[in-house]
């Protein structure tokens, strides 16, 4: 039997009337009160959770509105810090750490210098690639200073062509 809102009270009255208890402990009137209290507890719990969910939704809406306000109105109004682009060449770039080479081939030294100074350095000749050198360069030395020192210690010269540094062997 389906129960809808219209005949709910009738069904409850029938249920209460049909309740039989030993020794008259649970009369129809007492059973009705017991059923009402159980129904009211469920209704009050339902109301509690609905109110809690509503309060949580309001808090979430407030936080979201505040975040949107911060993003759209406050953040764009902050002044940008002016920046200037600094253009450096290989001659003015300076290393910011210590470069140490211990009996390393010139090919490896050139690779590390290329990475450090972000410039293209090439070696012409296989004999020069395998030329081993030991050197330590401290912070504050430019690429031209380093290449001049290596040139004096080794048997090569260098020249700059189209943003590329080319190392060649010295002709005696």
N, C-alpha and C. Protein backbone atom coordinates (compact mmCIF):
# COMPACT_ATOMS: atom_id res chain seq x y z
N UNK A 1 0.85 -1.17 0.00
CA UNK A 1 0.00 0.00 0.00
C UNK A 1 0.90 1.23 0.00
N UNK A 2 0.65 2.09 -0.93
CA UNK A 2 1.43 3.31 -1.03
C UNK A 2 0.82 4.38 -0.14
N UNK A 3 1.73 5.11 0.50
CA UNK A 3 1.28 6.16 1.41
C UNK A 3 1.70 7.49 0.81
N UNK A 4 0.74 8.38 0.66
CA UNK A 4 1.07 9.73 0.20
C UNK A 4 0.68 10.72 1.29
N UNK A 5 0.91 11.98 1.05
CA UNK A 5 0.70 13.00 2.08
C UNK A 5 -0.77 13.14 2.50
N UNK A 6 -1.68 12.82 1.62
CA UNK A 6 -3.10 13.01 1.93
C UNK A 6 -3.61 12.05 2.99
N UNK A 7 -3.24 10.81 2.86
CA UNK A 7 -3.77 9.85 3.82
C UNK A 7 -2.73 9.40 4.84
N UNK A 8 -1.66 10.18 5.01
CA UNK A 8 -0.61 9.84 5.97
C UNK A 8 -1.16 9.79 7.40
N UNK A 9 -1.94 10.80 7.77
CA UNK A 9 -2.50 10.82 9.12
C UNK A 9 -3.45 9.65 9.35
N UNK A 10 -4.22 9.26 8.35
CA UNK A 10 -5.13 8.13 8.49
C UNK A 10 -4.36 6.84 8.74
N UNK A 11 -3.28 6.65 8.01
CA UNK A 11 -2.48 5.44 8.16
C UNK A 11 -1.84 5.41 9.55
N UNK A 12 -1.34 6.56 10.01
CA UNK A 12 -0.74 6.61 11.34
C UNK A 12 -1.79 6.32 12.42
N UNK A 13 -2.98 6.87 12.27
CA UNK A 13 -4.04 6.61 13.25
C UNK A 13 -4.39 5.13 13.29
N UNK A 14 -4.45 4.48 12.13
CA UNK A 14 -4.74 3.05 12.09
C UNK A 14 -3.61 2.26 12.76
N UNK A 15 -2.39 2.68 12.50
CA UNK A 15 -1.24 2.01 13.10
C UNK A 15 -1.26 2.14 14.61
N UNK A 16 -1.56 3.33 15.09
CA UNK A 16 -1.60 3.55 16.53
C UNK A 16 -2.75 2.77 17.16
N UNK A 17 -3.88 2.74 16.51
CA UNK A 17 -5.05 2.03 17.04
C UNK A 17 -4.82 0.53 17.07
N UNK A 18 -4.06 0.03 16.12
CA UNK A 18 -3.85 -1.42 16.07
C UNK A 18 -2.75 -1.89 17.02
N UNK A 19 -2.09 -0.96 17.66
CA UNK A 19 -1.00 -1.33 18.56
C UNK A 19 -1.60 -1.96 19.81
N UNK A 20 -1.13 -3.15 20.11
CA UNK A 20 -1.58 -3.83 21.32
C UNK A 20 -0.35 -4.11 22.14
N UNK A 21 -0.48 -3.86 23.40
CA UNK A 21 0.67 -4.09 24.25
C UNK A 21 0.24 -4.87 25.48
N UNK A 22 1.19 -5.63 26.00
CA UNK A 22 0.84 -6.39 27.21
C UNK A 22 0.68 -5.45 28.41
N UNK A 23 -0.28 -5.76 29.23
CA UNK A 23 -0.55 -5.06 30.48
C UNK A 23 -0.87 -3.58 30.26
N UNK A 24 -1.22 -3.19 29.08
CA UNK A 24 -1.64 -1.82 28.81
C UNK A 24 -0.54 -0.79 28.94
N UNK A 25 0.66 -1.28 28.86
CA UNK A 25 1.80 -0.39 29.01
C UNK A 25 1.88 0.63 27.88
N UNK A 26 1.64 0.18 26.68
CA UNK A 26 1.68 1.06 25.52
C UNK A 26 0.27 1.24 25.01
N UNK A 27 -0.34 2.29 25.40
CA UNK A 27 -1.69 2.57 24.92
C UNK A 27 -1.59 3.29 23.59
N UNK A 28 -2.73 3.51 22.97
CA UNK A 28 -2.76 4.19 21.68
C UNK A 28 -2.21 5.60 21.82
N UNK A 29 -2.55 6.24 22.93
CA UNK A 29 -2.07 7.61 23.14
C UNK A 29 -0.55 7.65 23.32
N UNK A 30 0.00 6.72 24.09
CA UNK A 30 1.46 6.66 24.29
C UNK A 30 2.19 6.31 22.99
N UNK A 31 1.61 5.38 22.22
CA UNK A 31 2.22 5.00 20.95
C UNK A 31 2.24 6.18 20.00
N UNK A 32 1.19 6.97 19.99
CA UNK A 32 1.12 8.14 19.12
C UNK A 32 2.24 9.14 19.49
N UNK A 33 2.42 9.37 20.78
CA UNK A 33 3.48 10.28 21.22
C UNK A 33 4.86 9.76 20.80
N UNK A 34 5.07 8.45 20.94
CA UNK A 34 6.34 7.85 20.56
C UNK A 34 6.60 8.02 19.06
N UNK A 35 5.59 7.76 18.25
CA UNK A 35 5.75 7.93 16.80
C UNK A 35 6.01 9.39 16.44
N UNK A 36 5.29 10.30 17.07
CA UNK A 36 5.49 11.72 16.79
C UNK A 36 6.91 12.17 17.16
N UNK A 37 7.40 11.69 18.30
CA UNK A 37 8.75 12.12 18.71
C UNK A 37 9.81 11.59 17.73
N UNK A 38 9.62 10.37 17.25
CA UNK A 38 10.58 9.83 16.28
C UNK A 38 10.52 10.60 14.96
N UNK A 39 9.32 10.93 14.53
CA UNK A 39 9.19 11.70 13.29
C UNK A 39 9.77 13.10 13.46
N UNK A 40 9.55 13.72 14.62
CA UNK A 40 10.07 15.06 14.85
C UNK A 40 11.60 15.06 14.91
N UNK A 41 12.19 13.99 15.47
CA UNK A 41 13.65 13.91 15.50
C UNK A 41 14.21 13.87 14.09
N UNK A 42 13.58 13.09 13.24
CA UNK A 42 14.04 13.01 11.85
C UNK A 42 13.89 14.36 11.15
N UNK A 43 12.77 15.01 11.40
CA UNK A 43 12.55 16.32 10.78
C UNK A 43 13.55 17.34 11.29
N UNK A 44 13.84 17.31 12.60
CA UNK A 44 14.79 18.28 13.14
C UNK A 44 16.21 18.00 12.63
N UNK A 45 16.57 16.73 12.49
CA UNK A 45 17.89 16.41 11.93
C UNK A 45 17.97 16.84 10.47
N UNK A 46 16.90 16.64 9.75
CA UNK A 46 16.87 17.06 8.35
C UNK A 46 17.01 18.58 8.26
N UNK A 47 16.29 19.29 9.13
CA UNK A 47 16.40 20.76 9.16
C UNK A 47 17.82 21.20 9.51
N UNK A 48 18.43 20.51 10.49
CA UNK A 48 19.79 20.85 10.89
C UNK A 48 20.76 20.71 9.72
N UNK A 49 20.70 19.59 9.02
CA UNK A 49 21.63 19.38 7.90
C UNK A 49 21.34 20.33 6.74
N UNK A 50 20.10 20.66 6.51
CA UNK A 50 19.76 21.62 5.45
C UNK A 50 20.31 23.00 5.81
N UNK A 51 20.18 23.39 7.07
CA UNK A 51 20.71 24.69 7.49
C UNK A 51 22.24 24.71 7.42
N UNK A 52 22.86 23.62 7.82
CA UNK A 52 24.32 23.53 7.75
C UNK A 52 24.80 23.62 6.31
N UNK A 53 24.13 22.91 5.42
CA UNK A 53 24.51 22.95 4.01
C UNK A 53 24.29 24.35 3.43
N UNK A 54 23.21 25.00 3.83
CA UNK A 54 22.95 26.37 3.35
C UNK A 54 24.02 27.33 3.85
N UNK A 55 24.41 27.20 5.11
CA UNK A 55 25.46 28.07 5.65
C UNK A 55 26.79 27.83 4.94
N UNK A 56 27.10 26.57 4.67
CA UNK A 56 28.34 26.26 3.96
C UNK A 56 28.31 26.83 2.54
N UNK A 57 27.16 26.77 1.90
CA UNK A 57 27.04 27.34 0.55
C UNK A 57 27.22 28.85 0.57
N UNK A 58 26.69 29.51 1.59
CA UNK A 58 26.85 30.97 1.70
C UNK A 58 28.31 31.32 1.92
N UNK A 59 28.99 30.58 2.79
CA UNK A 59 30.42 30.84 3.04
C UNK A 59 31.22 30.63 1.77
N UNK A 60 30.95 29.56 1.06
CA UNK A 60 31.66 29.27 -0.19
C UNK A 60 31.40 30.35 -1.23
N UNK A 61 30.19 30.83 -1.32
CA UNK A 61 29.86 31.91 -2.25
C UNK A 61 30.61 33.19 -1.89
N UNK A 62 30.70 33.49 -0.59
CA UNK A 62 31.43 34.70 -0.16
C UNK A 62 32.92 34.60 -0.49
N UNK A 63 33.51 33.46 -0.22
CA UNK A 63 34.94 33.28 -0.50
C UNK A 63 35.20 33.36 -2.00
N UNK A 64 34.35 32.75 -2.80
CA UNK A 64 34.51 32.80 -4.25
C UNK A 64 34.35 34.22 -4.77
N UNK A 65 33.39 34.95 -4.25
CA UNK A 65 33.19 36.34 -4.67
C UNK A 65 34.39 37.19 -4.31
N UNK A 66 34.94 36.99 -3.12
CA UNK A 66 36.12 37.75 -2.71
C UNK A 66 37.31 37.45 -3.62
N UNK A 67 37.50 36.17 -3.95
CA UNK A 67 38.62 35.79 -4.82
C UNK A 67 38.45 36.39 -6.21
N UNK A 68 37.24 36.38 -6.74
CA UNK A 68 36.99 36.98 -8.05
C UNK A 68 37.25 38.48 -8.01
N UNK A 69 36.84 39.15 -6.94
CA UNK A 69 37.09 40.59 -6.79
C UNK A 69 38.59 40.86 -6.77
N UNK A 70 39.33 40.07 -6.00
CA UNK A 70 40.78 40.24 -5.94
C UNK A 70 41.43 40.07 -7.30
N UNK A 71 40.99 39.05 -8.03
CA UNK A 71 41.58 38.75 -9.32
C UNK A 71 41.24 39.81 -10.37
N UNK A 72 40.00 40.27 -10.38
CA UNK A 72 39.57 41.18 -11.45
C UNK A 72 39.86 42.65 -11.17
N UNK A 73 39.81 43.08 -9.91
CA UNK A 73 39.91 44.51 -9.64
C UNK A 73 41.18 44.91 -8.91
N UNK A 74 41.57 44.16 -7.92
CA UNK A 74 42.71 44.57 -7.11
C UNK A 74 44.03 44.22 -7.78
N UNK A 75 44.18 43.00 -8.27
CA UNK A 75 45.45 42.56 -8.86
C UNK A 75 45.85 43.38 -10.09
N UNK A 76 44.97 43.70 -11.02
CA UNK A 76 45.40 44.49 -12.19
C UNK A 76 45.80 45.92 -11.84
N UNK A 77 45.38 46.45 -10.70
CA UNK A 77 45.68 47.82 -10.35
C UNK A 77 47.06 47.98 -9.73
N UNK A 78 47.72 46.90 -9.43
CA UNK A 78 49.08 46.98 -8.89
C UNK A 78 50.00 47.47 -10.00
N UNK A 79 50.92 48.31 -9.62
CA UNK A 79 51.85 48.84 -10.61
C UNK A 79 52.89 47.78 -10.95
N UNK A 80 53.18 47.69 -12.23
CA UNK A 80 54.21 46.76 -12.67
C UNK A 80 55.58 47.36 -12.40
N UNK A 81 56.50 46.53 -12.01
CA UNK A 81 57.86 46.99 -11.75
C UNK A 81 58.54 47.17 -13.10
N UNK A 82 59.09 48.35 -13.34
CA UNK A 82 59.73 48.56 -14.64
C UNK A 82 61.01 47.73 -14.75
N UNK A 83 61.16 47.11 -15.89
CA UNK A 83 62.35 46.31 -16.13
C UNK A 83 63.05 46.82 -17.37
N UNK A 84 64.33 46.65 -17.38
CA UNK A 84 65.11 47.05 -18.54
C UNK A 84 65.85 45.84 -19.06
N UNK A 85 65.84 45.69 -20.38
CA UNK A 85 66.57 44.60 -20.99
C UNK A 85 68.04 44.98 -21.07
N UNK A 86 68.88 44.08 -20.65
CA UNK A 86 70.32 44.31 -20.68
C UNK A 86 70.90 43.43 -21.77
N UNK A 87 71.51 44.04 -22.75
CA UNK A 87 72.12 43.30 -23.85
C UNK A 87 73.62 43.24 -23.61
N UNK A 88 74.12 42.02 -23.54
CA UNK A 88 75.55 41.86 -23.31
C UNK A 88 76.16 41.10 -24.47
N UNK A 89 77.38 41.33 -24.71
CA UNK A 89 78.11 40.56 -25.71
C UNK A 89 79.04 39.61 -24.99
N UNK A 90 79.67 38.75 -25.76
CA UNK A 90 80.57 37.78 -25.14
C UNK A 90 81.72 38.48 -24.42
N UNK A 91 82.13 39.63 -24.96
CA UNK A 91 83.26 40.33 -24.38
C UNK A 91 82.94 40.88 -23.00
N UNK A 92 81.68 41.25 -22.77
CA UNK A 92 81.33 41.86 -21.49
C UNK A 92 80.70 40.87 -20.52
N UNK A 93 80.30 39.70 -21.00
CA UNK A 93 79.74 38.71 -20.09
C UNK A 93 80.83 38.22 -19.15
N UNK A 94 80.44 37.98 -17.93
CA UNK A 94 81.40 37.58 -16.91
C UNK A 94 80.89 36.29 -16.28
N UNK A 95 81.80 35.38 -15.98
CA UNK A 95 81.38 34.15 -15.32
C UNK A 95 81.03 34.45 -13.87
N UNK A 96 80.08 33.71 -13.34
CA UNK A 96 79.63 33.93 -11.97
C UNK A 96 79.95 32.73 -11.08
N UNK A 97 80.88 31.93 -11.50
CA UNK A 97 81.32 30.81 -10.69
C UNK A 97 82.76 30.49 -11.09
N UNK A 98 83.30 29.48 -10.51
CA UNK A 98 84.69 29.10 -10.80
C UNK A 98 84.67 27.99 -11.84
N UNK A 99 85.45 28.17 -12.90
CA UNK A 99 85.61 27.12 -13.91
C UNK A 99 86.98 26.50 -13.71
N UNK A 100 87.02 25.18 -13.53
CA UNK A 100 88.28 24.48 -13.32
C UNK A 100 88.40 23.37 -14.35
N UNK A 101 89.54 23.33 -15.02
CA UNK A 101 89.83 22.30 -16.01
C UNK A 101 91.13 21.62 -15.61
N UNK A 102 91.09 20.31 -15.42
CA UNK A 102 92.27 19.56 -15.00
C UNK A 102 92.58 18.51 -16.07
N UNK A 103 93.58 18.80 -16.90
CA UNK A 103 93.99 17.92 -18.00
C UNK A 103 92.80 17.48 -18.85
N UNK A 104 91.96 18.44 -19.20
CA UNK A 104 90.81 18.15 -20.05
C UNK A 104 91.13 18.55 -21.48
N UNK A 105 90.54 17.83 -22.44
CA UNK A 105 90.77 18.20 -23.84
C UNK A 105 90.14 19.56 -24.15
N UNK A 106 90.70 20.24 -25.12
CA UNK A 106 90.21 21.57 -25.49
C UNK A 106 88.77 21.52 -25.96
N UNK A 107 88.37 20.40 -26.54
CA UNK A 107 86.98 20.24 -26.98
C UNK A 107 86.02 20.35 -25.79
N UNK A 108 86.35 19.74 -24.66
CA UNK A 108 85.51 19.82 -23.46
C UNK A 108 85.52 21.22 -22.86
N UNK A 109 86.68 21.86 -22.87
CA UNK A 109 86.79 23.23 -22.35
C UNK A 109 85.92 24.17 -23.17
N UNK A 110 85.97 24.02 -24.50
CA UNK A 110 85.17 24.87 -25.40
C UNK A 110 83.68 24.63 -25.16
N UNK A 111 83.29 23.37 -24.94
CA UNK A 111 81.87 23.07 -24.68
C UNK A 111 81.39 23.77 -23.42
N UNK A 112 82.18 23.72 -22.36
CA UNK A 112 81.79 24.37 -21.10
C UNK A 112 81.76 25.89 -21.24
N UNK A 113 82.71 26.44 -21.97
CA UNK A 113 82.70 27.90 -22.18
C UNK A 113 81.49 28.32 -23.01
N UNK A 114 81.12 27.50 -24.00
CA UNK A 114 79.94 27.81 -24.82
C UNK A 114 78.68 27.83 -23.97
N UNK A 115 78.55 26.86 -23.07
CA UNK A 115 77.38 26.82 -22.20
C UNK A 115 77.38 27.96 -21.20
N UNK A 116 78.55 28.29 -20.66
CA UNK A 116 78.63 29.34 -19.64
C UNK A 116 78.32 30.71 -20.23
N UNK A 117 78.90 31.00 -21.39
CA UNK A 117 78.74 32.33 -21.99
C UNK A 117 77.66 32.37 -23.07
N UNK A 118 77.00 31.25 -23.31
CA UNK A 118 75.91 31.17 -24.29
C UNK A 118 76.33 31.74 -25.65
N UNK A 119 77.41 31.24 -26.14
CA UNK A 119 77.91 31.65 -27.45
C UNK A 119 78.43 30.42 -28.19
N UNK A 120 78.52 30.52 -29.49
CA UNK A 120 78.95 29.39 -30.31
C UNK A 120 80.47 29.46 -30.49
N UNK A 121 81.16 28.42 -30.05
CA UNK A 121 82.62 28.33 -30.18
C UNK A 121 82.93 27.03 -30.92
N UNK A 122 83.73 27.12 -31.99
CA UNK A 122 84.08 25.95 -32.79
C UNK A 122 85.59 25.77 -32.84
N UNK A 123 86.00 24.53 -33.06
CA UNK A 123 87.42 24.20 -33.17
C UNK A 123 87.66 23.65 -34.57
N UNK A 124 88.66 24.18 -35.26
CA UNK A 124 89.06 23.65 -36.56
C UNK A 124 90.30 22.80 -36.36
N UNK A 125 90.24 21.57 -36.81
CA UNK A 125 91.39 20.67 -36.71
C UNK A 125 91.23 19.67 -35.58
N UNK A 126 91.48 18.39 -35.91
CA UNK A 126 91.32 17.32 -34.92
C UNK A 126 92.43 17.34 -33.87
N UNK A 127 93.62 17.76 -34.26
CA UNK A 127 94.72 17.75 -33.29
C UNK A 127 94.47 18.76 -32.17
N UNK A 128 93.79 19.84 -32.50
CA UNK A 128 93.49 20.87 -31.49
C UNK A 128 92.40 20.41 -30.53
N UNK A 129 91.47 19.59 -31.03
CA UNK A 129 90.38 19.09 -30.18
C UNK A 129 90.92 18.23 -29.04
N UNK A 130 91.98 17.51 -29.30
CA UNK A 130 92.53 16.59 -28.29
C UNK A 130 93.66 17.22 -27.48
N UNK A 131 93.90 18.50 -27.62
CA UNK A 131 94.96 19.19 -26.88
C UNK A 131 94.49 19.35 -25.43
N UNK A 132 95.23 18.81 -24.47
CA UNK A 132 94.83 18.81 -23.06
C UNK A 132 95.42 20.03 -22.35
N UNK A 133 94.58 20.62 -21.47
CA UNK A 133 95.01 21.82 -20.74
C UNK A 133 94.51 21.76 -19.30
N UNK A 134 95.21 22.47 -18.42
CA UNK A 134 94.80 22.64 -17.03
C UNK A 134 94.69 24.13 -16.76
N UNK A 135 93.53 24.55 -16.25
CA UNK A 135 93.33 25.98 -15.98
C UNK A 135 92.21 26.15 -14.97
N UNK A 136 92.26 27.27 -14.25
CA UNK A 136 91.19 27.65 -13.32
C UNK A 136 90.87 29.11 -13.56
N UNK A 137 89.59 29.39 -13.76
CA UNK A 137 89.15 30.76 -14.00
C UNK A 137 88.18 31.15 -12.90
N UNK A 138 88.45 32.26 -12.28
CA UNK A 138 87.65 32.73 -11.15
C UNK A 138 86.52 33.62 -11.64
N UNK A 139 85.65 33.92 -10.72
CA UNK A 139 84.51 34.79 -10.98
C UNK A 139 85.00 36.18 -11.41
N UNK A 140 84.36 36.74 -12.42
CA UNK A 140 84.69 38.09 -12.85
C UNK A 140 85.51 38.15 -14.12
N UNK A 141 85.88 37.01 -14.70
CA UNK A 141 86.67 37.02 -15.93
C UNK A 141 85.74 36.91 -17.14
N UNK A 142 86.02 37.69 -18.17
CA UNK A 142 85.19 37.67 -19.37
C UNK A 142 85.69 36.59 -20.33
N UNK A 143 84.90 36.34 -21.37
CA UNK A 143 85.25 35.31 -22.33
C UNK A 143 86.53 35.67 -23.08
N UNK A 144 86.70 36.93 -23.44
CA UNK A 144 87.92 37.32 -24.16
C UNK A 144 89.15 37.14 -23.29
N UNK A 145 89.04 37.44 -22.00
CA UNK A 145 90.18 37.23 -21.10
C UNK A 145 90.53 35.75 -21.00
N UNK A 146 89.51 34.91 -20.91
CA UNK A 146 89.73 33.47 -20.80
C UNK A 146 90.36 32.93 -22.08
N UNK A 147 89.82 33.35 -23.24
CA UNK A 147 90.38 32.87 -24.51
C UNK A 147 91.81 33.37 -24.72
N UNK A 148 92.09 34.60 -24.30
CA UNK A 148 93.46 35.11 -24.42
C UNK A 148 94.43 34.29 -23.57
N UNK A 149 94.03 33.94 -22.36
CA UNK A 149 94.89 33.12 -21.49
C UNK A 149 95.09 31.72 -22.07
N UNK A 150 94.01 31.13 -22.58
CA UNK A 150 94.12 29.80 -23.18
C UNK A 150 94.98 29.85 -24.45
N UNK A 151 94.83 30.91 -25.22
CA UNK A 151 95.61 31.08 -26.45
C UNK A 151 97.11 31.16 -26.13
N UNK A 152 97.44 31.92 -25.08
CA UNK A 152 98.85 32.05 -24.70
C UNK A 152 99.42 30.73 -24.19
N UNK A 153 98.60 29.94 -23.49
CA UNK A 153 99.07 28.67 -22.94
C UNK A 153 99.09 27.57 -24.00
N UNK A 154 98.17 27.63 -24.96
CA UNK A 154 98.08 26.59 -25.98
C UNK A 154 98.72 27.01 -27.28
N UNK A 155 98.53 26.20 -28.27
CA UNK A 155 99.13 26.44 -29.57
C UNK A 155 98.03 26.76 -30.58
N UNK A 156 97.22 27.79 -30.29
CA UNK A 156 96.13 28.14 -31.20
C UNK A 156 95.86 29.64 -31.15
N UNK A 157 95.08 30.09 -32.12
CA UNK A 157 94.58 31.47 -32.17
C UNK A 157 93.07 31.39 -32.31
N UNK A 158 92.42 32.51 -32.13
CA UNK A 158 90.97 32.53 -32.31
C UNK A 158 90.57 33.80 -33.04
N UNK A 159 89.41 33.70 -33.71
CA UNK A 159 88.85 34.86 -34.40
C UNK A 159 87.34 34.78 -34.28
N UNK A 160 86.69 35.94 -34.38
CA UNK A 160 85.24 36.01 -34.25
C UNK A 160 84.64 36.33 -35.61
N UNK A 161 83.72 35.47 -36.06
CA UNK A 161 83.03 35.65 -37.33
C UNK A 161 81.54 35.40 -37.12
N UNK A 162 80.72 36.41 -37.38
CA UNK A 162 79.25 36.26 -37.31
C UNK A 162 78.79 35.62 -36.00
N UNK A 163 79.15 36.19 -34.90
CA UNK A 163 78.76 35.71 -33.57
C UNK A 163 79.24 34.29 -33.28
N UNK A 164 80.25 33.84 -33.98
CA UNK A 164 80.85 32.53 -33.74
C UNK A 164 82.35 32.73 -33.54
N UNK A 165 82.88 32.08 -32.52
CA UNK A 165 84.31 32.14 -32.26
C UNK A 165 84.93 30.86 -32.79
N UNK A 166 85.97 31.01 -33.64
CA UNK A 166 86.60 29.86 -34.27
C UNK A 166 88.04 29.77 -33.78
N UNK A 167 88.40 28.60 -33.25
CA UNK A 167 89.76 28.34 -32.78
C UNK A 167 90.52 27.59 -33.87
N UNK A 168 91.70 28.08 -34.22
CA UNK A 168 92.54 27.43 -35.23
C UNK A 168 93.95 27.27 -34.68
N UNK A 169 94.69 26.30 -35.24
CA UNK A 169 96.07 26.07 -34.80
C UNK A 169 96.97 27.17 -35.33
N UNK A 170 98.02 27.46 -34.56
CA UNK A 170 99.01 28.46 -34.98
C UNK A 170 99.89 27.86 -36.07
N UNK A 171 100.16 28.65 -37.07
CA UNK A 171 101.08 28.21 -38.11
C UNK A 171 102.45 28.76 -37.79
N UNK A 172 103.46 27.91 -37.68
CA UNK A 172 104.82 28.37 -37.33
C UNK A 172 105.54 28.90 -38.52
